[in-house]
N, C-alpha and C. Protein backbone atom coordinates (compact mmCIF):
# COMPACT_ATOMS: atom_id res chain seq x y z
N MET A 1 71.28 83.99 78.55
CA MET A 1 71.63 85.19 77.80
C MET A 1 73.14 85.40 77.80
N PHE A 2 73.80 85.15 78.94
CA PHE A 2 75.24 85.37 79.03
C PHE A 2 75.99 84.06 79.18
N GLY A 3 75.40 82.98 78.76
CA GLY A 3 76.04 81.67 78.84
C GLY A 3 77.01 81.49 77.69
N ALA A 4 77.10 80.28 77.25
CA ALA A 4 78.01 79.96 76.15
C ALA A 4 77.59 80.70 74.89
N PRO A 5 78.57 81.09 74.08
CA PRO A 5 78.22 81.77 72.84
C PRO A 5 77.37 80.87 71.96
N SER A 6 76.40 81.45 71.33
CA SER A 6 75.56 80.68 70.42
C SER A 6 75.88 81.04 69.00
N ARG A 7 75.28 80.29 68.12
CA ARG A 7 75.51 80.59 66.70
C ARG A 7 74.84 81.89 66.30
N TYR A 8 74.01 82.46 67.19
CA TYR A 8 73.32 83.71 66.89
C TYR A 8 74.06 84.93 67.41
N SER A 9 75.16 84.73 68.13
CA SER A 9 75.90 85.85 68.71
C SER A 9 76.41 86.81 67.66
N ALA A 10 77.09 86.30 66.66
CA ALA A 10 77.67 87.18 65.64
C ALA A 10 76.60 87.94 64.86
N PRO A 11 75.53 87.26 64.39
CA PRO A 11 74.48 88.04 63.71
C PRO A 11 73.83 89.07 64.62
N GLY A 12 73.63 88.72 65.89
CA GLY A 12 73.05 89.68 66.84
C GLY A 12 73.93 90.88 67.02
N ALA A 13 75.24 90.65 67.11
CA ALA A 13 76.19 91.76 67.26
C ALA A 13 76.19 92.63 66.01
N ARG A 14 76.12 92.00 64.85
CA ARG A 14 76.08 92.79 63.60
C ARG A 14 74.81 93.63 63.54
N TYR A 15 73.68 93.05 63.96
CA TYR A 15 72.43 93.79 63.97
C TYR A 15 72.53 95.00 64.88
N ARG A 16 73.09 94.81 66.09
CA ARG A 16 73.26 95.93 67.02
C ARG A 16 74.17 97.00 66.43
N ASP A 17 75.24 96.57 65.76
CA ASP A 17 76.16 97.53 65.15
C ASP A 17 75.45 98.34 64.06
N ILE A 18 74.62 97.68 63.27
CA ILE A 18 73.87 98.37 62.21
C ILE A 18 72.87 99.35 62.82
N GLU A 19 72.21 98.92 63.90
CA GLU A 19 71.23 99.77 64.56
C GLU A 19 71.91 101.03 65.12
N VAL A 20 73.06 100.86 65.76
CA VAL A 20 73.79 102.01 66.31
C VAL A 20 74.27 102.91 65.17
N ALA A 21 74.79 102.31 64.12
CA ALA A 21 75.27 103.10 62.97
C ALA A 21 74.15 103.93 62.37
N ALA A 22 72.96 103.37 62.26
CA ALA A 22 71.82 104.11 61.72
C ALA A 22 71.45 105.27 62.63
N ARG A 23 71.49 105.04 63.95
CA ARG A 23 71.19 106.12 64.89
C ARG A 23 72.23 107.23 64.79
N VAL A 24 73.49 106.86 64.66
CA VAL A 24 74.59 107.83 64.59
C VAL A 24 74.49 108.66 63.33
N GLU A 25 74.14 108.01 62.23
CA GLU A 25 74.10 108.68 60.93
C GLU A 25 73.20 109.91 60.92
N GLY A 26 72.05 109.82 61.56
CA GLY A 26 71.11 110.93 61.54
C GLY A 26 71.13 111.79 62.78
N ALA A 27 72.11 111.60 63.65
CA ALA A 27 72.11 112.30 64.93
C ALA A 27 72.75 113.69 64.86
N THR A 28 72.23 114.57 65.69
CA THR A 28 72.84 115.88 65.90
C THR A 28 74.05 115.68 66.82
N PRO A 29 74.91 116.68 66.97
CA PRO A 29 76.01 116.54 67.94
C PRO A 29 75.50 116.20 69.34
N HIS A 30 74.42 116.82 69.76
CA HIS A 30 73.83 116.52 71.06
C HIS A 30 73.34 115.06 71.08
N GLY A 31 72.73 114.64 70.00
CA GLY A 31 72.24 113.27 69.89
C GLY A 31 73.35 112.24 69.93
N LEU A 32 74.51 112.59 69.37
CA LEU A 32 75.65 111.66 69.41
C LEU A 32 76.09 111.40 70.85
N ILE A 33 76.08 112.43 71.66
CA ILE A 33 76.45 112.25 73.07
C ILE A 33 75.41 111.37 73.77
N LEU A 34 74.13 111.57 73.44
CA LEU A 34 73.09 110.72 74.02
C LEU A 34 73.29 109.26 73.63
N ILE A 35 73.67 109.02 72.39
CA ILE A 35 73.93 107.65 71.94
C ILE A 35 75.11 107.07 72.71
N MET A 36 76.14 107.87 72.92
CA MET A 36 77.29 107.39 73.69
C MET A 36 76.88 107.04 75.11
N PHE A 37 76.06 107.88 75.73
CA PHE A 37 75.59 107.58 77.08
C PHE A 37 74.75 106.30 77.09
N ASP A 38 73.88 106.16 76.11
CA ASP A 38 73.04 104.97 76.03
C ASP A 38 73.90 103.71 75.93
N GLU A 39 74.88 103.74 75.05
CA GLU A 39 75.77 102.60 74.88
C GLU A 39 76.62 102.37 76.13
N LEU A 40 77.03 103.45 76.78
CA LEU A 40 77.82 103.35 78.00
C LEU A 40 77.03 102.66 79.11
N LEU A 41 75.79 103.09 79.31
CA LEU A 41 74.97 102.48 80.36
C LEU A 41 74.65 101.02 80.05
N LYS A 42 74.40 100.72 78.77
CA LYS A 42 74.20 99.32 78.39
C LYS A 42 75.47 98.51 78.67
N GLY A 43 76.61 99.10 78.40
CA GLY A 43 77.87 98.42 78.63
C GLY A 43 78.10 98.12 80.10
N ILE A 44 77.76 99.06 80.97
CA ILE A 44 77.90 98.83 82.41
C ILE A 44 76.92 97.74 82.85
N ASP A 45 75.70 97.77 82.31
CA ASP A 45 74.74 96.71 82.62
C ASP A 45 75.30 95.34 82.22
N THR A 46 75.94 95.29 81.06
CA THR A 46 76.54 94.05 80.59
C THR A 46 77.66 93.61 81.54
N LEU A 47 78.50 94.56 81.95
CA LEU A 47 79.56 94.23 82.91
C LEU A 47 78.98 93.67 84.20
N GLN A 48 77.91 94.27 84.68
CA GLN A 48 77.29 93.78 85.91
C GLN A 48 76.79 92.35 85.72
N ALA A 49 76.16 92.08 84.59
CA ALA A 49 75.64 90.74 84.34
C ALA A 49 76.77 89.72 84.17
N LEU A 50 77.89 90.15 83.62
CA LEU A 50 79.00 89.24 83.37
C LEU A 50 79.84 88.96 84.61
N GLN A 51 79.58 89.63 85.71
CA GLN A 51 80.36 89.40 86.93
C GLN A 51 80.23 87.95 87.40
N ALA A 52 79.08 87.36 87.20
CA ALA A 52 78.85 85.99 87.68
C ALA A 52 79.17 84.93 86.63
N VAL A 53 79.66 85.34 85.49
CA VAL A 53 79.90 84.41 84.40
C VAL A 53 81.41 84.22 84.21
N PRO A 54 81.86 82.97 84.14
CA PRO A 54 83.30 82.73 83.99
C PRO A 54 83.77 82.89 82.55
N GLU A 55 83.58 84.08 82.01
CA GLU A 55 84.01 84.37 80.64
C GLU A 55 84.84 85.65 80.62
N PRO A 56 86.11 85.54 80.99
CA PRO A 56 86.93 86.76 81.06
C PRO A 56 87.06 87.49 79.73
N ALA A 57 87.03 86.78 78.63
CA ALA A 57 87.16 87.45 77.33
C ALA A 57 85.98 88.38 77.09
N ARG A 58 84.78 87.93 77.41
CA ARG A 58 83.59 88.78 77.23
C ARG A 58 83.61 89.96 78.21
N ARG A 59 84.02 89.69 79.46
CA ARG A 59 84.11 90.78 80.45
C ARG A 59 85.14 91.81 80.00
N ASN A 60 86.30 91.33 79.53
CA ASN A 60 87.36 92.25 79.09
C ASN A 60 86.90 93.09 77.91
N ALA A 61 86.19 92.47 76.96
CA ALA A 61 85.70 93.21 75.80
C ALA A 61 84.67 94.26 76.22
N ALA A 62 83.76 93.89 77.11
CA ALA A 62 82.76 94.85 77.59
C ALA A 62 83.42 95.98 78.37
N HIS A 63 84.41 95.63 79.18
CA HIS A 63 85.13 96.64 79.97
C HIS A 63 85.86 97.61 79.05
N ALA A 64 86.53 97.09 78.03
CA ALA A 64 87.27 97.94 77.09
C ALA A 64 86.32 98.89 76.36
N ARG A 65 85.14 98.39 76.00
CA ARG A 65 84.16 99.23 75.30
C ARG A 65 83.68 100.36 76.22
N VAL A 66 83.39 100.04 77.47
CA VAL A 66 82.93 101.06 78.43
C VAL A 66 84.01 102.12 78.65
N ILE A 67 85.23 101.68 78.84
CA ILE A 67 86.34 102.63 79.05
C ILE A 67 86.53 103.50 77.81
N SER A 68 86.42 102.90 76.64
CA SER A 68 86.55 103.65 75.39
C SER A 68 85.46 104.72 75.28
N LEU A 69 84.24 104.36 75.64
CA LEU A 69 83.15 105.34 75.60
C LEU A 69 83.39 106.48 76.59
N LEU A 70 83.90 106.15 77.78
CA LEU A 70 84.21 107.20 78.75
C LEU A 70 85.30 108.13 78.22
N HIS A 71 86.32 107.56 77.59
CA HIS A 71 87.36 108.40 76.99
C HIS A 71 86.77 109.27 75.88
N GLY A 72 85.87 108.70 75.10
CA GLY A 72 85.23 109.46 74.03
C GLY A 72 84.42 110.63 74.57
N LEU A 73 83.67 110.38 75.63
CA LEU A 73 82.90 111.46 76.24
C LEU A 73 83.82 112.54 76.79
N GLU A 74 84.88 112.13 77.45
CA GLU A 74 85.79 113.13 78.01
C GLU A 74 86.50 113.92 76.90
N SER A 75 86.88 113.23 75.83
CA SER A 75 87.59 113.93 74.75
C SER A 75 86.67 114.89 73.99
N SER A 76 85.35 114.72 74.14
CA SER A 76 84.42 115.63 73.46
C SER A 76 84.22 116.92 74.24
N LEU A 77 84.73 116.99 75.46
CA LEU A 77 84.56 118.19 76.27
C LEU A 77 85.43 119.33 75.74
N ASP A 78 84.86 120.52 75.71
CA ASP A 78 85.59 121.72 75.33
C ASP A 78 85.87 122.48 76.63
N TYR A 79 87.05 122.23 77.21
CA TYR A 79 87.38 122.81 78.50
C TYR A 79 87.49 124.33 78.43
N ARG A 80 87.89 124.85 77.29
CA ARG A 80 88.04 126.31 77.16
C ARG A 80 86.68 126.99 77.19
N ARG A 81 85.76 126.51 76.39
CA ARG A 81 84.43 127.14 76.32
C ARG A 81 83.48 126.61 77.39
N GLY A 82 83.69 125.38 77.84
CA GLY A 82 82.78 124.75 78.81
C GLY A 82 83.04 125.13 80.24
N GLY A 83 84.23 125.66 80.51
CA GLY A 83 84.56 126.14 81.85
C GLY A 83 84.34 125.11 82.94
N GLU A 84 83.67 125.54 84.00
CA GLU A 84 83.48 124.71 85.19
C GLU A 84 82.63 123.47 84.89
N ILE A 85 81.65 123.59 84.01
CA ILE A 85 80.81 122.43 83.67
C ILE A 85 81.66 121.35 83.02
N ALA A 86 82.48 121.74 82.06
CA ALA A 86 83.35 120.76 81.39
C ALA A 86 84.33 120.13 82.38
N ALA A 87 84.88 120.95 83.27
CA ALA A 87 85.81 120.43 84.26
C ALA A 87 85.13 119.42 85.19
N ASN A 88 83.91 119.73 85.61
CA ASN A 88 83.17 118.81 86.48
C ASN A 88 82.82 117.52 85.75
N LEU A 89 82.40 117.62 84.50
CA LEU A 89 82.11 116.41 83.73
C LEU A 89 83.37 115.56 83.56
N GLY A 90 84.50 116.21 83.30
CA GLY A 90 85.76 115.47 83.18
C GLY A 90 86.07 114.71 84.45
N ARG A 91 85.84 115.35 85.61
CA ARG A 91 86.06 114.66 86.89
C ARG A 91 85.13 113.47 87.05
N ILE A 92 83.88 113.63 86.64
CA ILE A 92 82.92 112.53 86.73
C ILE A 92 83.36 111.36 85.85
N TYR A 93 83.78 111.64 84.63
CA TYR A 93 84.21 110.56 83.73
C TYR A 93 85.45 109.86 84.28
N ARG A 94 86.38 110.62 84.85
CA ARG A 94 87.58 110.00 85.44
C ARG A 94 87.22 109.15 86.66
N GLU A 95 86.30 109.64 87.48
CA GLU A 95 85.86 108.87 88.65
C GLU A 95 85.17 107.58 88.21
N ALA A 96 84.37 107.66 87.16
CA ALA A 96 83.72 106.45 86.65
C ALA A 96 84.77 105.44 86.17
N ARG A 97 85.80 105.92 85.49
CA ARG A 97 86.87 105.01 85.06
C ARG A 97 87.57 104.39 86.26
N ARG A 98 87.78 105.18 87.30
CA ARG A 98 88.41 104.64 88.51
C ARG A 98 87.54 103.54 89.12
N LEU A 99 86.23 103.79 89.19
CA LEU A 99 85.32 102.81 89.76
C LEU A 99 85.25 101.54 88.92
N LEU A 100 85.45 101.67 87.64
CA LEU A 100 85.38 100.51 86.74
C LEU A 100 86.67 99.70 86.75
N GLY A 101 87.72 100.25 87.32
CA GLY A 101 88.97 99.51 87.45
C GLY A 101 88.97 98.76 88.77
N PRO A 102 90.13 98.27 89.16
CA PRO A 102 90.22 97.63 90.48
C PRO A 102 89.91 98.66 91.56
N THR A 103 89.00 98.34 92.44
CA THR A 103 88.60 99.27 93.49
C THR A 103 88.88 98.64 94.85
N PRO A 104 90.09 98.87 95.38
CA PRO A 104 90.45 98.28 96.67
C PRO A 104 89.45 98.66 97.76
N GLY A 105 89.07 97.67 98.55
CA GLY A 105 88.16 97.92 99.65
C GLY A 105 86.70 98.05 99.26
N MET A 106 86.40 97.87 97.97
CA MET A 106 85.02 98.01 97.52
C MET A 106 84.64 96.78 96.70
N GLU A 107 83.48 96.24 96.95
CA GLU A 107 82.98 95.10 96.20
C GLU A 107 82.73 95.53 94.75
N ARG A 108 83.06 94.67 93.81
CA ARG A 108 82.99 95.01 92.38
C ARG A 108 81.58 95.46 91.97
N GLY A 109 80.57 94.73 92.42
CA GLY A 109 79.20 95.10 92.07
C GLY A 109 78.82 96.48 92.58
N THR A 110 79.28 96.82 93.77
CA THR A 110 79.00 98.13 94.35
C THR A 110 79.66 99.23 93.52
N ALA A 111 80.90 99.00 93.11
CA ALA A 111 81.61 99.99 92.30
C ALA A 111 80.91 100.20 90.96
N LEU A 112 80.47 99.11 90.33
CA LEU A 112 79.76 99.22 89.05
C LEU A 112 78.45 99.98 89.23
N THR A 113 77.74 99.70 90.32
CA THR A 113 76.48 100.39 90.58
C THR A 113 76.71 101.88 90.80
N GLN A 114 77.74 102.23 91.56
CA GLN A 114 78.04 103.65 91.79
C GLN A 114 78.38 104.35 90.48
N ALA A 115 79.20 103.72 89.65
CA ALA A 115 79.56 104.32 88.37
C ALA A 115 78.32 104.50 87.50
N ARG A 116 77.47 103.47 87.45
CA ARG A 116 76.27 103.54 86.62
C ARG A 116 75.33 104.64 87.11
N ASP A 117 75.12 104.71 88.43
CA ASP A 117 74.22 105.73 88.99
C ASP A 117 74.72 107.13 88.67
N MET A 118 76.01 107.34 88.83
CA MET A 118 76.60 108.65 88.57
C MET A 118 76.43 109.03 87.09
N LEU A 119 76.73 108.11 86.21
CA LEU A 119 76.64 108.38 84.77
C LEU A 119 75.19 108.47 84.31
N SER A 120 74.30 107.73 84.94
CA SER A 120 72.89 107.80 84.59
C SER A 120 72.33 109.18 84.93
N THR A 121 72.78 109.76 86.02
CA THR A 121 72.35 111.11 86.41
C THR A 121 72.79 112.12 85.35
N VAL A 122 74.04 112.02 84.92
CA VAL A 122 74.54 112.94 83.90
C VAL A 122 73.80 112.73 82.59
N SER A 123 73.56 111.47 82.24
CA SER A 123 72.83 111.15 81.01
C SER A 123 71.42 111.74 81.04
N GLY A 124 70.75 111.62 82.19
CA GLY A 124 69.41 112.18 82.32
C GLY A 124 69.40 113.69 82.17
N ALA A 125 70.40 114.34 82.73
CA ALA A 125 70.51 115.80 82.60
C ALA A 125 70.77 116.17 81.14
N TRP A 126 71.63 115.41 80.48
CA TRP A 126 71.94 115.68 79.07
C TRP A 126 70.69 115.50 78.21
N GLU A 127 69.91 114.48 78.52
CA GLU A 127 68.67 114.24 77.79
C GLU A 127 67.67 115.37 78.02
N ALA A 128 67.57 115.86 79.25
CA ALA A 128 66.66 116.95 79.57
C ALA A 128 67.06 118.23 78.84
N ILE A 129 68.36 118.48 78.75
CA ILE A 129 68.84 119.65 78.02
C ILE A 129 68.41 119.55 76.56
N GLY A 130 68.55 118.37 75.98
CA GLY A 130 68.15 118.18 74.59
C GLY A 130 66.67 118.38 74.39
N SER A 131 65.85 117.91 75.32
CA SER A 131 64.40 118.09 75.22
C SER A 131 64.05 119.57 75.26
N GLU A 132 64.74 120.31 76.13
CA GLU A 132 64.49 121.75 76.25
C GLU A 132 64.91 122.48 74.98
N VAL A 133 66.07 122.12 74.45
CA VAL A 133 66.55 122.76 73.21
C VAL A 133 65.60 122.45 72.06
N ASN A 134 65.18 121.19 71.93
CA ASN A 134 64.26 120.81 70.86
C ASN A 134 62.93 121.52 71.01
N ALA A 135 62.44 121.72 72.22
CA ALA A 135 61.18 122.41 72.45
C ALA A 135 61.29 123.87 72.03
N ASN A 136 62.45 124.47 72.24
CA ASN A 136 62.67 125.87 71.86
C ASN A 136 62.82 126.04 70.36
N LEU A 137 63.19 124.96 69.66
CA LEU A 137 63.36 125.04 68.22
C LEU A 137 62.04 124.93 67.47
N THR A 138 61.03 124.38 68.11
CA THR A 138 59.75 124.20 67.43
C THR A 138 58.81 125.34 67.66
């Protein structure tokens, strides 16, 4: 799966891009954040899988995508209206970025797992909020 690039890599990437674009097109603002979390967690999973593969270009691309998604999540925070919750989420996103960078004294896999666990918890809470809101709308 993460070996040498195959002739199917580009079409597979295009298919994934189309699938994400279709999800984004019909998403609510809450749903857009869920999509970002989903892509973020997939990206961290990819980074974890690529740790054992001697393909720095793929690792760098996956890392850049994950960092970009974290910046996107943080930039979507409304610190004025969100108050303490927004501030705490901002700290979590910054800590995840720190863990995804060079982490002196910590094994790379451990840092990736900590970042993923932390973000997965926030993603689960965000998903639960959406379920509750949708239940109240029906």
